[in-house]
Amino acid sequence: MLKTGQQAPDFELPDNNGDPVKLSSFRGKKNVVLFFYPKDFTGGCTAEACSFRDSYEDFTDAGAEVIGISSDDVISHRKFARQYKLPFILLSDKGGKVKELFGVKDDLFGLIAGRVTFVINKEGVVIKVFDSQVNFTGHSSEALAALISA
């Protein structure tokens, strides 16, 4: 898995509107909080996404963009964002290529997709990695703390 101090690899994925988003487009402009989660509309993932939603203003005040990534398709992401009023970007990683680039592993013998958050500074360097399958809301609080202390 990618570690603190390493350069985050660039990628391009479609957002919930089908528009391409490149990680490098934020370089020099914003910090990025990139959270990989298993699946739209599941209990833990909804709690995690809503935790980021509820703190979204704090993230933008800290100069960061929040981006969620799962293997769900664009249509699922659009419905998920609409139903839970998610103000941040959701990206569709069909086939898991970006998940693999970041070294995010599945849990429980591959039955549950990995849940890992990376905080990336404006220079594209990872400044925090938080890996927890069960501390759903800890992802947003750990990421925010990393941004504030950076």
C-alpha atoms as a PDB file:
ATOM      1  CA  MET A   1       0.000   0.000   0.000  1.00  0.00           C
ATOM      2  CA  LEU A   2       1.103   3.555  -0.674  1.00  0.00           C
ATOM      3  CA  LYS A   3       2.760   5.047   2.399  1.00  0.00           C
ATOM      4  CA  THR A   4       3.164   8.461   3.979  1.00  0.00           C
ATOM      5  CA  GLY A   5       5.853  10.444   2.167  1.00  0.00           C
ATOM      6  CA  GLN A   6       5.284   8.765  -1.211  1.00  0.00           C
ATOM      7  CA  GLN A   7       4.054  10.565  -4.321  1.00  0.00           C
ATOM      8  CA  ALA A   8       0.455   9.686  -5.141  1.00  0.00           C
ATOM      9  CA  PRO A   9       0.137   8.147  -8.615  1.00  0.00           C
ATOM     10  CA  ASP A  10      -1.875  10.099 -11.149  1.00  0.00           C
ATOM     11  CA  PHE A  11      -5.076   8.647 -12.558  1.00  0.00           C
ATOM     12  CA  GLU A  12      -8.213   9.605 -14.427  1.00  0.00           C
ATOM     13  CA  LEU A  13     -11.680   8.228 -13.632  1.00  0.00           C
ATOM     14  CA  PRO A  14     -15.262   9.258 -14.443  1.00  0.00           C
ATOM     15  CA  ASP A  15     -17.230  11.132 -11.780  1.00  0.00           C
ATOM     16  CA  ASN A  16     -20.912  10.689 -10.954  1.00  0.00           C
ATOM     17  CA  ASN A  17     -21.774  12.828 -14.039  1.00  0.00           C
ATOM     18  CA  GLY A  18     -19.526  10.763 -16.306  1.00  0.00           C
ATOM     19  CA  ASP A  19     -16.954  13.561 -16.590  1.00  0.00           C
ATOM     20  CA  PRO A  20     -13.255  12.616 -16.338  1.00  0.00           C
ATOM     21  CA  VAL A  21     -11.383  13.704 -13.203  1.00  0.00           C
ATOM     22  CA  LYS A  22      -7.577  13.595 -12.989  1.00  0.00           C
ATOM     23  CA  LEU A  23      -5.809  13.625  -9.654  1.00  0.00           C
ATOM     24  CA  SER A  24      -3.061  15.808 -11.130  1.00  0.00           C
ATOM     25  CA  SER A  25      -5.595  18.574 -11.862  1.00  0.00           C
ATOM     26  CA  PHE A  26      -5.557  19.397  -8.127  1.00  0.00           C
ATOM     27  CA  ARG A  27      -1.751  19.544  -7.846  1.00  0.00           C
ATOM     28  CA  GLY A  28      -0.538  22.955  -6.758  1.00  0.00           C
ATOM     29  CA  LYS A  29      -4.122  24.045  -6.026  1.00  0.00           C
ATOM     30  CA  LYS A  30      -5.715  21.876  -3.339  1.00  0.00           C
ATOM     31  CA  ASN A  31      -4.989  19.110  -0.888  1.00  0.00           C
ATOM     32  CA  VAL A  32      -6.962  15.962  -1.709  1.00  0.00           C
ATOM     33  CA  VAL A  33      -8.672  13.544   0.655  1.00  0.00           C
ATOM     34  CA  LEU A  34      -9.094  10.343  -1.327  1.00  0.00           C
ATOM     35  CA  PHE A  35     -11.216   7.685   0.335  1.00  0.00           C
ATOM     36  CA  PHE A  36     -11.646   4.213  -1.105  1.00  0.00           C
ATOM     37  CA  TYR A  37     -14.810   2.492   0.080  1.00  0.00           C
ATOM     38  CA  PRO A  38     -16.458  -0.851  -0.733  1.00  0.00           C
ATOM     39  CA  LYS A  39     -19.957  -0.068  -2.070  1.00  0.00           C
ATOM     40  CA  ASP A  40     -22.642   2.580  -2.442  1.00  0.00           C
ATOM     41  CA  PHE A  41     -25.758   2.251  -0.253  1.00  0.00           C
ATOM     42  CA  THR A  42     -24.278  -0.192   2.285  1.00  0.00           C
ATOM     43  CA  GLY A  43     -24.457   0.649   5.986  1.00  0.00           C
ATOM     44  CA  GLY A  44     -20.787   1.303   6.688  1.00  0.00           C
ATOM     45  CA  CYS A  45     -20.140   3.103   3.416  1.00  0.00           C
ATOM     46  CA  THR A  46     -23.166   5.339   3.858  1.00  0.00           C
ATOM     47  CA  ALA A  47     -22.017   6.223   7.403  1.00  0.00           C
ATOM     48  CA  GLU A  48     -18.531   6.988   6.088  1.00  0.00           C
ATOM     49  CA  ALA A  49     -19.770   9.116   3.167  1.00  0.00           C
ATOM     50  CA  CYS A  50     -22.212  11.009   5.399  1.00  0.00           C
ATOM     51  CA  SER A  51     -19.397  11.683   7.870  1.00  0.00           C
ATOM     52  CA  PHE A  52     -17.391  13.306   5.068  1.00  0.00           C
ATOM     53  CA  ARG A  53     -20.539  15.186   3.998  1.00  0.00           C
ATOM     54  CA  ASP A  54     -21.138  16.520   7.500  1.00  0.00           C
ATOM     55  CA  SER A  55     -17.527  17.778   7.714  1.00  0.00           C
ATOM     56  CA  TYR A  56     -17.263  18.912   4.100  1.00  0.00           C
ATOM     57  CA  GLU A  57     -17.134  22.620   4.944  1.00  0.00           C
ATOM     58  CA  ASP A  58     -14.265  21.939   7.364  1.00  0.00           C
ATOM     59  CA  PHE A  59     -12.389  20.180   4.563  1.00  0.00           C
ATOM     60  CA  THR A  60     -12.927  23.020   2.099  1.00  0.00           C
ATOM     61  CA  ASP A  61     -11.881  25.522   4.793  1.00  0.00           C
ATOM     62  CA  ALA A  62      -8.673  23.468   5.146  1.00  0.00           C
ATOM     63  CA  GLY A  63      -8.049  23.810   1.392  1.00  0.00           C
ATOM     64  CA  ALA A  64      -8.964  20.245   0.499  1.00  0.00           C
ATOM     65  CA  GLU A  65     -11.130  18.470  -2.023  1.00  0.00           C
ATOM     66  CA  VAL A  66     -12.820  15.253  -0.887  1.00  0.00           C
ATOM     67  CA  ILE A  67     -13.051  12.409  -3.406  1.00  0.00           C
ATOM     68  CA  GLY A  68     -14.681   9.021  -2.828  1.00  0.00           C
ATOM     69  CA  ILE A  69     -13.768   6.022  -4.993  1.00  0.00           C
ATOM     70  CA  SER A  70     -15.452   2.643  -5.341  1.00  0.00           C
ATOM     71  CA  SER A  71     -16.042   0.140  -8.124  1.00  0.00           C
ATOM     72  CA  ASP A  72     -19.702   1.169  -8.412  1.00  0.00           C
ATOM     73  CA  ASP A  73     -20.732   2.603 -11.776  1.00  0.00           C
ATOM     74  CA  VAL A  74     -21.476   6.244 -12.565  1.00  0.00           C
ATOM     75  CA  ILE A  75     -25.262   5.769 -12.285  1.00  0.00           C
ATOM     76  CA  SER A  76     -25.001   4.200  -8.825  1.00  0.00           C
ATOM     77  CA  HIS A  77     -22.728   7.060  -7.691  1.00  0.00           C
ATOM     78  CA  ARG A  78     -25.185   9.635  -9.053  1.00  0.00           C
ATOM     79  CA  LYS A  79     -28.069   8.047  -7.109  1.00  0.00           C
ATOM     80  CA  PHE A  80     -25.936   7.674  -3.958  1.00  0.00           C
ATOM     81  CA  ALA A  81     -24.828  11.327  -4.086  1.00  0.00           C
ATOM     82  CA  ARG A  82     -28.376  12.541  -4.709  1.00  0.00           C
ATOM     83  CA  GLN A  83     -30.013  10.442  -1.993  1.00  0.00           C
ATOM     84  CA  TYR A  84     -27.510  11.432   0.714  1.00  0.00           C
ATOM     85  CA  LYS A  85     -26.799  14.971  -0.561  1.00  0.00           C
ATOM     86  CA  LEU A  86     -23.091  14.285  -0.931  1.00  0.00           C
ATOM     87  CA  PRO A  87     -21.341  17.514  -2.004  1.00  0.00           C
ATOM     88  CA  PHE A  88     -18.043  15.899  -2.988  1.00  0.00           C
ATOM     89  CA  ILE A  89     -16.773  13.993  -6.009  1.00  0.00           C
ATOM     90  CA  LEU A  90     -17.465  10.272  -6.387  1.00  0.00           C
ATOM     91  CA  LEU A  91     -15.360   8.366  -8.905  1.00  0.00           C
ATOM     92  CA  SER A  92     -16.098   5.043 -10.568  1.00  0.00           C
ATOM     93  CA  ASP A  93     -13.147   2.632 -10.519  1.00  0.00           C
ATOM     94  CA  LYS A  94     -14.650  -0.255 -12.488  1.00  0.00           C
ATOM     95  CA  GLY A  95     -12.137  -3.087 -12.470  1.00  0.00           C
ATOM     96  CA  GLY A  96     -10.228  -1.597  -9.520  1.00  0.00           C
ATOM     97  CA  LYS A  97      -7.212  -0.265 -11.449  1.00  0.00           C
ATOM     98  CA  VAL A  98      -6.812   2.862  -9.292  1.00  0.00           C
ATOM     99  CA  LYS A  99      -7.411   0.862  -6.119  1.00  0.00           C
ATOM    100  CA  GLU A 100      -4.575  -1.379  -7.251  1.00  0.00           C
ATOM    101  CA  LEU A 101      -2.331   1.632  -8.049  1.00  0.00           C
ATOM    102  CA  PHE A 102      -2.721   2.799  -4.448  1.00  0.00           C
ATOM    103  CA  GLY A 103      -2.230  -0.725  -3.095  1.00  0.00           C
ATOM    104  CA  VAL A 104      -5.626  -0.922  -1.402  1.00  0.00           C
ATOM    105  CA  LYS A 105      -6.267  -4.567  -0.553  1.00  0.00           C
ATOM    106  CA  ASP A 106      -9.560  -6.342  -0.048  1.00  0.00           C
ATOM    107  CA  ASP A 107     -10.376  -7.769   3.380  1.00  0.00           C
ATOM    108  CA  LEU A 108     -11.804 -11.088   4.556  1.00  0.00           C
ATOM    109  CA  PHE A 109     -10.280 -13.208   1.804  1.00  0.00           C
ATOM    110  CA  GLY A 110     -11.344 -10.751  -0.902  1.00  0.00           C
ATOM    111  CA  LEU A 111     -14.997 -10.664   0.128  1.00  0.00           C
ATOM    112  CA  ILE A 112     -15.034  -7.006   1.202  1.00  0.00           C
ATOM    113  CA  ALA A 113     -13.361  -4.266  -0.801  1.00  0.00           C
ATOM    114  CA  GLY A 114     -10.750  -2.235   1.073  1.00  0.00           C
ATOM    115  CA  ARG A 115     -11.603   0.910   3.021  1.00  0.00           C
ATOM    116  CA  VAL A 116      -8.596   3.244   3.085  1.00  0.00           C
ATOM    117  CA  THR A 117      -8.256   7.037   3.150  1.00  0.00           C
ATOM    118  CA  PHE A 118      -5.256   8.917   1.767  1.00  0.00           C
ATOM    119  CA  VAL A 119      -4.603  12.588   2.529  1.00  0.00           C
ATOM    120  CA  ILE A 120      -2.522  14.081  -0.284  1.00  0.00           C
ATOM    121  CA  ASN A 121      -0.949  17.529  -0.051  1.00  0.00           C
ATOM    122  CA  LYS A 122      -0.845  20.134  -2.833  1.00  0.00           C
ATOM    123  CA  GLU A 123       2.474  18.739  -4.039  1.00  0.00           C
ATOM    124  CA  GLY A 124       0.898  15.313  -4.552  1.00  0.00           C
ATOM    125  CA  VAL A 125       2.616  13.669  -1.573  1.00  0.00           C
ATOM    126  CA  VAL A 126       0.714  11.366   0.781  1.00  0.00           C
ATOM    127  CA  ILE A 127       0.729  12.905   4.279  1.00  0.00           C
ATOM    128  CA  LYS A 128      -1.666  10.449   5.992  1.00  0.00           C
ATOM    129  CA  VAL A 129      -2.983   6.940   5.422  1.00  0.00           C
ATOM    130  CA  PHE A 130      -5.898   5.668   7.495  1.00  0.00           C
ATOM    131  CA  ASP A 131      -6.853   2.021   7.007  1.00  0.00           C
ATOM    132  CA  SER A 132      -9.876   0.752   8.932  1.00  0.00           C
ATOM    133  CA  GLN A 133     -12.659  -1.484   7.729  1.00  0.00           C
ATOM    134  CA  VAL A 134     -14.845  -0.850  10.797  1.00  0.00           C
ATOM    135  CA  ASN A 135     -14.161   2.719  12.014  1.00  0.00           C
ATOM    136  CA  PHE A 136     -16.398   4.283   9.364  1.00  0.00           C
ATOM    137  CA  THR A 137     -16.525   7.819  10.730  1.00  0.00           C
ATOM    138  CA  GLY A 138     -12.875   7.743  11.806  1.00  0.00           C
ATOM    139  CA  HIS A 139     -11.849   8.225   8.178  1.00  0.00           C
ATOM    140  CA  SER A 140     -13.152  11.801   8.044  1.00  0.00           C
ATOM    141  CA  SER A 141     -11.916  12.799  11.512  1.00  0.00           C
ATOM    142  CA  GLU A 142      -8.425  11.327  10.922  1.00  0.00           C
ATOM    143  CA  ALA A 143      -8.178  13.033   7.516  1.00  0.00           C
ATOM    144  CA  LEU A 144      -9.274  16.399   8.906  1.00  0.00           C
ATOM    145  CA  ALA A 145      -6.812  16.151  11.798  1.00  0.00           C
ATOM    146  CA  ALA A 146      -4.002  15.431   9.312  1.00  0.00           C
ATOM    147  CA  LEU A 147      -4.897  18.485   7.241  1.00  0.00           C
ATOM    148  CA  ILE A 148      -5.082  20.765  10.259  1.00  0.00           C
ATOM    149  CA  SER A 149      -1.733  19.591  11.649  1.00  0.00           C
ATOM    150  CA  ALA A 150       0.065  19.730   8.267  1.00  0.00           C
END
